[in-house]
PDB file of N, CA and C in Angstrom:
ATOM      1  N   MET A   1      16.069  49.726 -95.904  1.00  0.00           N
ATOM      2  CA  MET A   1      15.912  50.341 -94.599  1.00  0.00           C
ATOM      3  C   MET A   1      16.024  49.275 -93.505  1.00  0.00           C
ATOM      4  N   LEU A   2      16.710  49.651 -92.445  1.00  0.00           N
ATOM      5  CA  LEU A   2      16.898  48.765 -91.300  1.00  0.00           C
ATOM      6  C   LEU A   2      15.945  49.177 -90.187  1.00  0.00           C
ATOM      7  N   GLY A   3      15.178  48.229 -89.707  1.00  0.00           N
ATOM      8  CA  GLY A   3      14.258  48.484 -88.611  1.00  0.00           C
ATOM      9  C   GLY A   3      14.680  47.735 -87.365  1.00  0.00           C
ATOM     10  N   VAL A   4      14.278  48.267 -86.214  1.00  0.00           N
ATOM     11  CA  VAL A   4      14.616  47.673 -84.917  1.00  0.00           C
ATOM     12  C   VAL A   4      13.352  47.572 -84.083  1.00  0.00           C
ATOM     13  N   ASP A   5      13.213  46.463 -83.393  1.00  0.00           N
ATOM     14  CA  ASP A   5      12.133  46.282 -82.421  1.00  0.00           C
ATOM     15  C   ASP A   5      12.760  45.627 -81.194  1.00  0.00           C
ATOM     16  N   ARG A   6      12.207  45.878 -80.030  1.00  0.00           N
ATOM     17  CA  ARG A   6      12.761  45.273 -78.814  1.00  0.00           C
ATOM     18  C   ARG A   6      11.663  45.150 -77.777  1.00  0.00           C
ATOM     19  N   GLY A   7      11.937  44.311 -76.780  1.00  0.00           N
ATOM     20  CA  GLY A   7      10.957  44.149 -75.727  1.00  0.00           C
ATOM     21  C   GLY A   7      11.514  43.371 -74.556  1.00  0.00           C
ATOM     22  N   SER A   8      10.679  43.221 -73.552  1.00  0.00           N
ATOM     23  CA  SER A   8      11.025  42.497 -72.338  1.00  0.00           C
ATOM     24  C   SER A   8       9.822  41.632 -71.980  1.00  0.00           C
ATOM     25  N   LYS A   9      10.086  40.400 -71.518  1.00  0.00           N
ATOM     26  CA  LYS A   9       8.995  39.478 -71.231  1.00  0.00           C
ATOM     27  C   LYS A   9       9.328  38.617 -70.020  1.00  0.00           C
ATOM     28  N   VAL A  10       8.459  38.628 -69.008  1.00  0.00           N
ATOM     29  CA  VAL A  10       8.574  37.662 -67.910  1.00  0.00           C
ATOM     30  C   VAL A  10       8.032  36.348 -68.455  1.00  0.00           C
ATOM     31  N   LEU A  11       8.892  35.338 -68.523  1.00  0.00           N
ATOM     32  CA  LEU A  11       8.482  34.053 -69.094  1.00  0.00           C
ATOM     33  C   LEU A  11       7.613  33.253 -68.135  1.00  0.00           C
ATOM     34  N   PHE A  12       7.976  33.290 -66.859  1.00  0.00           N
ATOM     35  CA  PHE A  12       7.193  32.565 -65.857  1.00  0.00           C
ATOM     36  C   PHE A  12       7.596  33.036 -64.471  1.00  0.00           C
ATOM     37  N   SER A  13       6.736  32.737 -63.515  1.00  0.00           N
ATOM     38  CA  SER A  13       6.984  33.029 -62.107  1.00  0.00           C
ATOM     39  C   SER A  13       6.449  31.829 -61.325  1.00  0.00           C
ATOM     40  N   ASP A  14       7.104  30.669 -61.506  1.00  0.00           N
ATOM     41  CA  ASP A  14       6.583  29.390 -61.030  1.00  0.00           C
ATOM     42  C   ASP A  14       6.603  29.208 -59.519  1.00  0.00           C
ATOM     43  N   PHE A  15       7.394  29.971 -58.775  1.00  0.00           N
ATOM     44  CA  PHE A  15       7.406  29.805 -57.319  1.00  0.00           C
ATOM     45  C   PHE A  15       6.089  30.250 -56.699  1.00  0.00           C
ATOM     46  N   GLU A  16       5.346  31.102 -57.387  1.00  0.00           N
ATOM     47  CA  GLU A  16       4.089  31.622 -56.854  1.00  0.00           C
ATOM     48  C   GLU A  16       2.987  30.561 -56.801  1.00  0.00           C
ATOM     49  N   HIS A  17       3.081  29.564 -57.693  1.00  0.00           N
ATOM     50  CA  HIS A  17       2.016  28.549 -57.744  1.00  0.00           C
ATOM     51  C   HIS A  17       2.578  27.127 -57.867  1.00  0.00           C
ATOM     52  N   ASP A  18       3.809  26.936 -57.378  1.00  0.00           N
ATOM     53  CA  ASP A  18       4.460  25.622 -57.418  1.00  0.00           C
ATOM     54  C   ASP A  18       4.447  25.009 -58.821  1.00  0.00           C
ATOM     55  N   GLY A  19       4.808  25.836 -59.808  1.00  0.00           N
ATOM     56  CA  GLY A  19       4.848  25.393 -61.191  1.00  0.00           C
ATOM     57  C   GLY A  19       6.005  24.448 -61.473  1.00  0.00           C
ATOM     58  N   GLU A  20       6.009  23.886 -62.674  1.00  0.00           N
ATOM     59  CA  GLU A  20       6.948  22.850 -63.064  1.00  0.00           C
ATOM     60  C   GLU A  20       8.412  23.289 -62.992  1.00  0.00           C
ATOM     61  N   MET A  21       8.718  24.515 -63.367  1.00  0.00           N
ATOM     62  CA  MET A  21      10.114  24.970 -63.333  1.00  0.00           C
ATOM     63  C   MET A  21      10.638  25.044 -61.891  1.00  0.00           C
ATOM     64  N   TRP A  22       9.752  25.271 -60.939  1.00  0.00           N
ATOM     65  CA  TRP A  22      10.142  25.395 -59.539  1.00  0.00           C
ATOM     66  C   TRP A  22      10.134  24.047 -58.819  1.00  0.00           C
ATOM     67  N   THR A  23       9.174  23.200 -59.124  1.00  0.00           N
ATOM     68  CA  THR A  23       9.027  21.944 -58.378  1.00  0.00           C
ATOM     69  C   THR A  23       9.476  20.714 -59.156  1.00  0.00           C
ATOM     70  N   GLY A  24       9.613  20.811 -60.470  1.00  0.00           N
ATOM     71  CA  GLY A  24       9.938  19.653 -61.291  1.00  0.00           C
ATOM     72  C   GLY A  24      11.420  19.315 -61.290  1.00  0.00           C
ATOM     73  N   THR A  25      11.735  18.165 -61.876  1.00  0.00           N
ATOM     74  CA  THR A  25      13.119  17.752 -62.090  1.00  0.00           C
ATOM     75  C   THR A  25      13.223  17.196 -63.505  1.00  0.00           C
ATOM     76  N   GLY A  26      14.468  17.017 -63.943  1.00  0.00           N
ATOM     77  CA  GLY A  26      14.678  16.509 -65.292  1.00  0.00           C
ATOM     78  C   GLY A  26      14.501  17.602 -66.327  1.00  0.00           C
ATOM     79  N   PRO A  27      14.449  17.209 -67.603  1.00  0.00           N
ATOM     80  CA  PRO A  27      14.323  18.200 -68.669  1.00  0.00           C
ATOM     81  C   PRO A  27      12.966  18.909 -68.623  1.00  0.00           C
ATOM     82  N   ARG A  28      13.013  20.232 -68.668  1.00  0.00           N
ATOM     83  CA  ARG A  28      11.806  21.051 -68.710  1.00  0.00           C
ATOM     84  C   ARG A  28      11.997  22.144 -69.746  1.00  0.00           C
ATOM     85  N   LYS A  29      10.923  22.476 -70.455  1.00  0.00           N
ATOM     86  CA  LYS A  29      11.012  23.475 -71.511  1.00  0.00           C
ATOM     87  C   LYS A  29       9.759  24.334 -71.519  1.00  0.00           C
ATOM     88  N   LEU A  30       9.947  25.623 -71.806  1.00  0.00           N
ATOM     89  CA  LEU A  30       8.832  26.551 -71.948  1.00  0.00           C
ATOM     90  C   LEU A  30       9.036  27.330 -73.241  1.00  0.00           C
ATOM     91  N   ARG A  31       7.972  27.481 -74.017  1.00  0.00           N
ATOM     92  CA  ARG A  31       8.004  28.221 -75.279  1.00  0.00           C
ATOM     93  C   ARG A  31       7.044  29.398 -75.144  1.00  0.00           C
ATOM     94  N   CYS A  32       7.526  30.610 -75.468  1.00  0.00           N
ATOM     95  CA  CYS A  32       6.717  31.816 -75.325  1.00  0.00           C
ATOM     96  C   CYS A  32       6.704  32.582 -76.650  1.00  0.00           C
ATOM     97  N   PRO A  33       5.539  32.675 -77.323  1.00  0.00           N
ATOM     98  CA  PRO A  33       5.480  33.418 -78.581  1.00  0.00           C
ATOM     99  C   PRO A  33       5.553  34.927 -78.352  1.00  0.00           C
ATOM    100  N   ILE A  34       6.298  35.606 -79.225  1.00  0.00           N
ATOM    101  CA  ILE A  34       6.446  37.066 -79.192  1.00  0.00           C
ATOM    102  C   ILE A  34       6.030  37.605 -80.555  1.00  0.00           C
ATOM    103  N   LYS A  35       5.224  38.662 -80.563  1.00  0.00           N
ATOM    104  CA  LYS A  35       4.792  39.296 -81.807  1.00  0.00           C
ATOM    105  C   LYS A  35       5.487  40.658 -81.924  1.00  0.00           C
ATOM    106  N   PHE A  36       6.067  40.931 -83.098  1.00  0.00           N
ATOM    107  CA  PHE A  36       6.696  42.224 -83.335  1.00  0.00           C
ATOM    108  C   PHE A  36       5.630  43.320 -83.396  1.00  0.00           C
ATOM    109  N   SER A  37       6.031  44.564 -83.097  1.00  0.00           N
ATOM    110  CA  SER A  37       5.082  45.671 -83.153  1.00  0.00           C
ATOM    111  C   SER A  37       4.613  45.938 -84.581  1.00  0.00           C
ATOM    112  N   GLU A  38       5.468  45.673 -85.567  1.00  0.00           N
ATOM    113  CA  GLU A  38       5.124  45.757 -86.989  1.00  0.00           C
ATOM    114  C   GLU A  38       5.905  44.672 -87.717  1.00  0.00           C
ATOM    115  N   PRO A  39       5.336  44.101 -88.789  1.00  0.00           N
ATOM    116  CA  PRO A  39       6.068  43.057 -89.514  1.00  0.00           C
ATOM    117  C   PRO A  39       7.317  43.607 -90.208  1.00  0.00           C
ATOM    118  N   PHE A  40       8.327  42.774 -90.295  1.00  0.00           N
ATOM    119  CA  PHE A  40       9.511  43.070 -91.093  1.00  0.00           C
ATOM    120  C   PHE A  40       9.237  42.589 -92.524  1.00  0.00           C
ATOM    121  N   LEU A  41      10.087  42.964 -93.498  1.00  0.00           N
ATOM    122  CA  LEU A  41       9.939  42.498 -94.876  1.00  0.00           C
ATOM    123  C   LEU A  41      10.485  41.086 -95.056  1.00  0.00           C
ATOM    124  N   SER A  42      11.464  40.723 -94.246  1.00  0.00           N
ATOM    125  CA  SER A  42      12.033  39.379 -94.235  1.00  0.00           C
ATOM    126  C   SER A  42      12.336  39.039 -92.776  1.00  0.00           C
ATOM    127  N   PRO A  43      12.518  37.749 -92.467  1.00  0.00           N
ATOM    128  CA  PRO A  43      12.785  37.401 -91.063  1.00  0.00           C
ATOM    129  C   PRO A  43      14.023  38.142 -90.537  1.00  0.00           C
ATOM    130  N   PRO A  44      13.884  38.838 -89.408  1.00  0.00           N
ATOM    131  CA  PRO A  44      14.991  39.628 -88.861  1.00  0.00           C
ATOM    132  C   PRO A  44      15.978  38.767 -88.066  1.00  0.00           C
ATOM    133  N   ILE A  45      17.083  39.376 -87.712  1.00  0.00           N
ATOM    134  CA  ILE A  45      18.015  38.791 -86.756  1.00  0.00           C
ATOM    135  C   ILE A  45      17.457  39.096 -85.362  1.00  0.00           C
ATOM    136  N   VAL A  46      17.363  38.086 -84.509  1.00  0.00           N
ATOM    137  CA  VAL A  46      16.794  38.264 -83.172  1.00  0.00           C
ATOM    138  C   VAL A  46      17.770  37.719 -82.135  1.00  0.00           C
ATOM    139  N   THR A  47      18.018  38.509 -81.096  1.00  0.00           N
ATOM    140  CA  THR A  47      18.800  38.032 -79.960  1.00  0.00           C
ATOM    141  C   THR A  47      17.920  38.097 -78.717  1.00  0.00           C
ATOM    142  N   VAL A  48      18.184  37.194 -77.793  1.00  0.00           N
ATOM    143  CA  VAL A  48      17.437  37.162 -76.542  1.00  0.00           C
ATOM    144  C   VAL A  48      18.416  36.866 -75.411  1.00  0.00           C
ATOM    145  N   SER A  49      18.182  37.477 -74.264  1.00  0.00           N
ATOM    146  CA  SER A  49      19.030  37.238 -73.099  1.00  0.00           C
ATOM    147  C   SER A  49      18.181  37.283 -71.839  1.00  0.00           C
ATOM    148  N   MET A  50      18.697  36.662 -70.796  1.00  0.00           N
ATOM    149  CA  MET A  50      18.001  36.726 -69.515  1.00  0.00           C
ATOM    150  C   MET A  50      18.378  38.041 -68.835  1.00  0.00           C
ATOM    151  N   SER A  51      17.377  38.822 -68.485  1.00  0.00           N
ATOM    152  CA  SER A  51      17.618  40.089 -67.799  1.00  0.00           C
ATOM    153  C   SER A  51      17.324  39.983 -66.303  1.00  0.00           C
ATOM    154  N   MET A  52      16.665  38.888 -65.898  1.00  0.00           N
ATOM    155  CA  MET A  52      16.443  38.617 -64.483  1.00  0.00           C
ATOM    156  C   MET A  52      16.233  37.116 -64.344  1.00  0.00           C
ATOM    157  N   TRP A  53      16.925  36.525 -63.395  1.00  0.00           N
ATOM    158  CA  TRP A  53      16.675  35.118 -63.096  1.00  0.00           C
ATOM    159  C   TRP A  53      16.727  34.930 -61.598  1.00  0.00           C
ATOM    160  N   ASP A  54      15.864  34.073 -61.124  1.00  0.00           N
ATOM    161  CA  ASP A  54      15.743  33.762 -59.707  1.00  0.00           C
ATOM    162  C   ASP A  54      15.789  32.240 -59.612  1.00  0.00           C
ATOM    163  N   ILE A  55      16.951  31.719 -59.225  1.00  0.00           N
ATOM    164  CA  ILE A  55      17.185  30.278 -59.225  1.00  0.00           C
ATOM    165  C   ILE A  55      17.666  29.848 -57.845  1.00  0.00           C
ATOM    166  N   ALA A  56      17.108  28.751 -57.351  1.00  0.00           N
ATOM    167  CA  ALA A  56      17.516  28.222 -56.047  1.00  0.00           C
ATOM    168  C   ALA A  56      19.007  27.897 -56.067  1.00  0.00           C
ATOM    169  N   GLY A  57      19.686  28.124 -54.935  1.00  0.00           N
ATOM    170  CA  GLY A  57      21.129  27.972 -54.865  1.00  0.00           C
ATOM    171  C   GLY A  57      21.645  26.642 -54.371  1.00  0.00           C
ATOM    172  N   GLU A  58      20.780  25.727 -53.972  1.00  0.00           N
ATOM    173  CA  GLU A  58      21.273  24.478 -53.393  1.00  0.00           C
ATOM    174  C   GLU A  58      21.654  23.435 -54.433  1.00  0.00           C
ATOM    175  N   SER A  59      21.413  23.706 -55.724  1.00  0.00           N
ATOM    176  CA  SER A  59      21.798  22.782 -56.792  1.00  0.00           C
ATOM    177  C   SER A  59      22.483  23.563 -57.916  1.00  0.00           C
ATOM    178  N   ASN A  60      22.948  22.861 -58.925  1.00  0.00           N
ATOM    179  CA  ASN A  60      23.541  23.546 -60.074  1.00  0.00           C
ATOM    180  C   ASN A  60      22.511  24.448 -60.737  1.00  0.00           C
ATOM    181  N   GLN A  61      22.976  25.582 -61.226  1.00  0.00           N
ATOM    182  CA  GLN A  61      22.099  26.535 -61.900  1.00  0.00           C
ATOM    183  C   GLN A  61      22.232  26.331 -63.400  1.00  0.00           C
ATOM    184  N   ARG A  62      21.249  25.659 -63.989  1.00  0.00           N
ATOM    185  CA  ARG A  62      21.275  25.285 -65.400  1.00  0.00           C
ATOM    186  C   ARG A  62      20.159  26.018 -66.129  1.00  0.00           C
ATOM    187  N   ALA A  63      20.523  26.722 -67.201  1.00  0.00           N
ATOM    188  CA  ALA A  63      19.514  27.425 -67.984  1.00  0.00           C
ATOM    189  C   ALA A  63      20.015  27.609 -69.409  1.00  0.00           C
ATOM    190  N   ASP A  64      19.085  27.526 -70.350  1.00  0.00           N
ATOM    191  CA  ASP A  64      19.364  27.743 -71.756  1.00  0.00           C
ATOM    192  C   ASP A  64      18.210  28.567 -72.314  1.00  0.00           C
ATOM    193  N   VAL A  65      18.505  29.712 -72.924  1.00  0.00           N
ATOM    194  CA  VAL A  65      17.461  30.538 -73.529  1.00  0.00           C
ATOM    195  C   VAL A  65      17.859  30.814 -74.976  1.00  0.00           C
ATOM    196  N   THR A  66      16.936  30.539 -75.905  1.00  0.00           N
ATOM    197  CA  THR A  66      17.199  30.696 -77.332  1.00  0.00           C
ATOM    198  C   THR A  66      15.957  31.234 -78.038  1.00  0.00           C
ATOM    199  N   THR A  67      16.125  31.509 -79.337  1.00  0.00           N
ATOM    200  CA  THR A  67      14.994  31.882 -80.191  1.00  0.00           C
ATOM    201  C   THR A  67      14.698  30.724 -81.136  1.00  0.00           C
ATOM    202  N   ASP A  68      13.460  30.685 -81.622  1.00  0.00           N
ATOM    203  CA  ASP A  68      13.052  29.660 -82.574  1.00  0.00           C
ATOM    204  C   ASP A  68      11.901  30.222 -83.403  1.00  0.00           C
ATOM    205  N   ASN A  69      11.682  29.642 -84.568  1.00  0.00           N
ATOM    206  CA  ASN A  69      10.552  30.014 -85.437  1.00  0.00           C
ATOM    207  C   ASN A  69      10.489  31.512 -85.733  1.00  0.00           C
ATOM    208  N   VAL A  70      11.613  32.115 -86.092  1.00  0.00           N
ATOM    209  CA  VAL A  70      11.632  33.543 -86.414  1.00  0.00           C
ATOM    210  C   VAL A  70      10.962  33.757 -87.770  1.00  0.00           C
ATOM    211  N   THR A  71       9.938  34.619 -87.801  1.00  0.00           N
ATOM    212  CA  THR A  71       9.226  34.974 -89.027  1.00  0.00           C
ATOM    213  C   THR A  71       9.189  36.497 -89.131  1.00  0.00           C
ATOM    214  N   ILE A  72       8.532  37.008 -90.163  1.00  0.00           N
ATOM    215  CA  ILE A  72       8.424  38.465 -90.314  1.00  0.00           C
ATOM    216  C   ILE A  72       7.508  39.068 -89.250  1.00  0.00           C
ATOM    217  N   GLU A  73       6.677  38.250 -88.624  1.00  0.00           N
ATOM    218  CA  GLU A  73       5.709  38.750 -87.651  1.00  0.00           C
ATOM    219  C   GLU A  73       6.077  38.506 -86.197  1.00  0.00           C
ATOM    220  N   GLY A  74       7.018  37.601 -85.931  1.00  0.00           N
ATOM    221  CA  GLY A  74       7.375  37.314 -84.546  1.00  0.00           C
ATOM    222  C   GLY A  74       8.303  36.123 -84.430  1.00  0.00           C
ATOM    223  N   PHE A  75       8.426  35.603 -83.217  1.00  0.00           N
ATOM    224  CA  PHE A  75       9.326  34.485 -82.938  1.00  0.00           C
ATOM    225  C   PHE A  75       8.926  33.854 -81.616  1.00  0.00           C
ATOM    226  N   ASP A  76       9.562  32.750 -81.282  1.00  0.00           N
ATOM    227  CA  ASP A  76       9.361  32.102 -79.989  1.00  0.00           C
ATOM    228  C   ASP A  76      10.619  32.237 -79.148  1.00  0.00           C
ATOM    229  N   ILE A  77      10.455  32.550 -77.876  1.00  0.00           N
ATOM    230  CA  ILE A  77      11.538  32.436 -76.900  1.00  0.00           C
ATOM    231  C   ILE A  77      11.412  31.044 -76.297  1.00  0.00           C
ATOM    232  N   VAL A  78      12.524  30.307 -76.262  1.00  0.00           N
ATOM    233  CA  VAL A  78      12.517  28.956 -75.700  1.00  0.00           C
ATOM    234  C   VAL A  78      13.466  28.933 -74.504  1.00  0.00           C
ATOM    235  N   PHE A  79      12.915  28.562 -73.340  1.00  0.00           N
ATOM    236  CA  PHE A  79      13.709  28.433 -72.116  1.00  0.00           C
ATOM    237  C   PHE A  79      13.750  26.966 -71.729  1.00  0.00           C
ATOM    238  N   ARG A  80      14.954  26.486 -71.397  1.00  0.00           N
ATOM    239  CA  ARG A  80      15.122  25.095 -70.959  1.00  0.00           C
ATOM    240  C   ARG A  80      15.947  25.047 -69.681  1.00  0.00           C
ATOM    241  N   THR A  81      15.623  24.066 -68.858  1.00  0.00           N
ATOM    242  CA  THR A  81      16.462  23.717 -67.718  1.00  0.00           C
ATOM    243  C   THR A  81      16.390  22.207 -67.551  1.00  0.00           C
ATOM    244  N   TRP A  82      17.230  21.648 -66.685  1.00  0.00           N
ATOM    245  CA  TRP A  82      17.284  20.191 -66.535  1.00  0.00           C
ATOM    246  C   TRP A  82      17.867  19.840 -65.170  1.00  0.00           C
ATOM    247  N   GLY A  83      17.901  18.547 -64.917  1.00  0.00           N
ATOM    248  CA  GLY A  83      18.441  18.056 -63.648  1.00  0.00           C
ATOM    249  C   GLY A  83      17.573  18.486 -62.481  1.00  0.00           C
ATOM    250  N   ASP A  84      18.241  18.803 -61.363  1.00  0.00           N
ATOM    251  CA  ASP A  84      17.510  19.195 -60.157  1.00  0.00           C
ATOM    252  C   ASP A  84      17.447  20.719 -59.973  1.00  0.00           C
ATOM    253  N   THR A  85      17.744  21.470 -61.032  1.00  0.00           N
ATOM    254  CA  THR A  85      17.686  22.937 -60.966  1.00  0.00           C
ATOM    255  C   THR A  85      16.257  23.395 -60.712  1.00  0.00           C
ATOM    256  N   ARG A  86      16.106  24.326 -59.764  1.00  0.00           N
ATOM    257  CA  ARG A  86      14.800  24.896 -59.425  1.00  0.00           C
ATOM    258  C   ARG A  86      14.798  26.363 -59.831  1.00  0.00           C
ATOM    259  N   VAL A  87      13.966  26.705 -60.824  1.00  0.00           N
ATOM    260  CA  VAL A  87      13.900  28.070 -61.344  1.00  0.00           C
ATOM    261  C   VAL A  87      12.601  28.706 -60.874  1.00  0.00           C
ATOM    262  N   ALA A  88      12.728  29.772 -60.091  1.00  0.00           N
ATOM    263  CA  ALA A  88      11.547  30.450 -59.568  1.00  0.00           C
ATOM    264  C   ALA A  88      10.903  31.347 -60.624  1.00  0.00           C
ATOM    265  N   ARG A  89      11.728  32.153 -61.310  1.00  0.00           N
ATOM    266  CA  ARG A  89      11.196  33.049 -62.337  1.00  0.00           C
ATOM    267  C   ARG A  89      12.319  33.513 -63.253  1.00  0.00           C
ATOM    268  N   VAL A  90      11.912  33.925 -64.456  1.00  0.00           N
ATOM    269  CA  VAL A  90      12.857  34.399 -65.465  1.00  0.00           C
ATOM    270  C   VAL A  90      12.209  35.518 -66.270  1.00  0.00           C
ATOM    271  N   ARG A  91      12.988  36.577 -66.499  1.00  0.00           N
ATOM    272  CA  ARG A  91      12.588  37.641 -67.433  1.00  0.00           C
ATOM    273  C   ARG A  91      13.638  37.698 -68.532  1.00  0.00           C
ATOM    274  N   THR A  92      13.203  37.876 -69.774  1.00  0.00           N
ATOM    275  CA  THR A  92      14.126  38.004 -70.893  1.00  0.00           C
ATOM    276  C   THR A  92      13.937  39.355 -71.572  1.00  0.00           C
ATOM    277  N   ASP A  93      15.003  39.834 -72.176  1.00  0.00           N
ATOM    278  CA  ASP A  93      14.958  41.000 -73.056  1.00  0.00           C
ATOM    279  C   ASP A  93      15.318  40.518 -74.448  1.00  0.00           C
ATOM    280  N   TRP A  94      14.662  41.053 -75.458  1.00  0.00           N
ATOM    281  CA  TRP A  94      14.938  40.651 -76.837  1.00  0.00           C
ATOM    282  C   TRP A  94      15.114  41.873 -77.724  1.00  0.00           C
ATOM    283  N   PHE A  95      15.814  41.658 -78.829  1.00  0.00           N
ATOM    284  CA  PHE A  95      16.163  42.725 -79.758  1.00  0.00           C
ATOM    285  C   PHE A  95      16.131  42.135 -81.162  1.00  0.00           C
ATOM    286  N   ALA A  96      15.394  42.785 -82.081  1.00  0.00           N
ATOM    287  CA  ALA A  96      15.283  42.305 -83.462  1.00  0.00           C
ATOM    288  C   ALA A  96      15.699  43.408 -84.427  1.00  0.00           C
ATOM    289  N   MET A  97      16.491  43.043 -85.443  1.00  0.00           N
ATOM    290  CA  MET A  97      16.908  43.973 -86.494  1.00  0.00           C
ATOM    291  C   MET A  97      16.647  43.317 -87.842  1.00  0.00           C
ATOM    292  N   GLY A  98      16.046  44.085 -88.751  1.00  0.00           N
ATOM    293  CA  GLY A  98      15.785  43.527 -90.069  1.00  0.00           C
ATOM    294  C   GLY A  98      15.275  44.558 -91.040  1.00  0.00           C
ATOM    295  N   GLU A  99      15.012  44.084 -92.238  1.00  0.00           N
ATOM    296  CA  GLU A  99      14.571  44.940 -93.331  1.00  0.00           C
ATOM    297  C   GLU A  99      13.116  45.372 -93.125  1.00  0.00           C
ATOM    298  N   VAL A 100      12.883  46.686 -93.298  1.00  0.00           N
ATOM    299  CA  VAL A 100      11.535  47.244 -93.207  1.00  0.00           C
ATOM    300  C   VAL A 100      11.264  48.097 -94.441  1.00  0.00           C
ATOM    301  N   ALA A 101       9.995  48.391 -94.672  1.00  0.00           N
ATOM    302  CA  ALA A 101       9.605  49.217 -95.811  1.00  0.00           C
ATOM    303  C   ALA A 101      10.071  50.653 -95.606  1.00  0.00           C
ATOM    304  N   ASP A 102      10.396  51.303 -96.706  1.00  0.00           N
ATOM    305  CA  ASP A 102      10.793  52.715 -96.695  1.00  0.00           C
ATOM    306  C   ASP A 102       9.647  53.513 -97.296  1.00  0.00           C
ATOM    307  N   ASP A 103       9.015  54.373 -96.498  1.00  0.00           N
ATOM    308  CA  ASP A 103       7.875  55.163 -96.962  1.00  0.00           C
ATOM    309  C   ASP A 103       8.255  56.121 -98.092  1.00  0.00           C
ATOM    310  N   GLU A 104       9.543  56.412 -98.266  1.00  0.00           N
ATOM    311  CA  GLU A 104      10.010  57.317 -99.304  1.00  0.00           C
ATOM    312  C   GLU A 104      10.148  56.639-100.659  1.00  0.00           C
ATOM    313  N   ILE A 105      10.116  55.300-100.696  1.00  0.00           N
ATOM    314  CA  ILE A 105      10.225  54.567-101.949  1.00  0.00           C
ATOM    315  C   ILE A 105       8.827  54.138-102.365  1.00  0.00           C
ATOM    316  N   TRP A 106       8.395  54.612-103.524  1.00  0.00           N
ATOM    317  CA  TRP A 106       7.060  54.316-104.022  1.00  0.00           C
ATOM    318  C   TRP A 106       7.110  53.125-104.964  1.00  0.00           C
ATOM    319  N   ASP A 107       6.136  52.258-104.860  1.00  0.00           N
ATOM    320  CA  ASP A 107       5.983  51.137-105.770  1.00  0.00           C
ATOM    321  C   ASP A 107       4.859  51.498-106.738  1.00  0.00           C
ATOM    322  N   VAL A 108       5.242  51.978-107.945  1.00  0.00           N
ATOM    323  CA  VAL A 108       4.254  52.493-108.909  1.00  0.00           C
ATOM    324  C   VAL A 108       3.892  51.431-109.916  1.00  0.00           C
TER     325      VAL A 108
END
């Protein structure tokens, strides 16, 4: 059986409190753990994308969003930026597909 889970997550809103993504320079990284609504039987395939980004326009707009540590129970969203890019806020959407238990199959 194939199961699907999905969600949306605001990773940060650093312009509100002068956070590192908004005021910092150089390499910056944020890791955000996500828990699936129910565990999969094996680690699923997970995709993540930015569904909203608010980035200052006076410099290059640099962003990298990936997944890491995918398990049957969840995964991490990893956001990176670098240089003089100023990121005010980012929202991501994610989608997971993988093997789930079938209630019609009995283990006797």
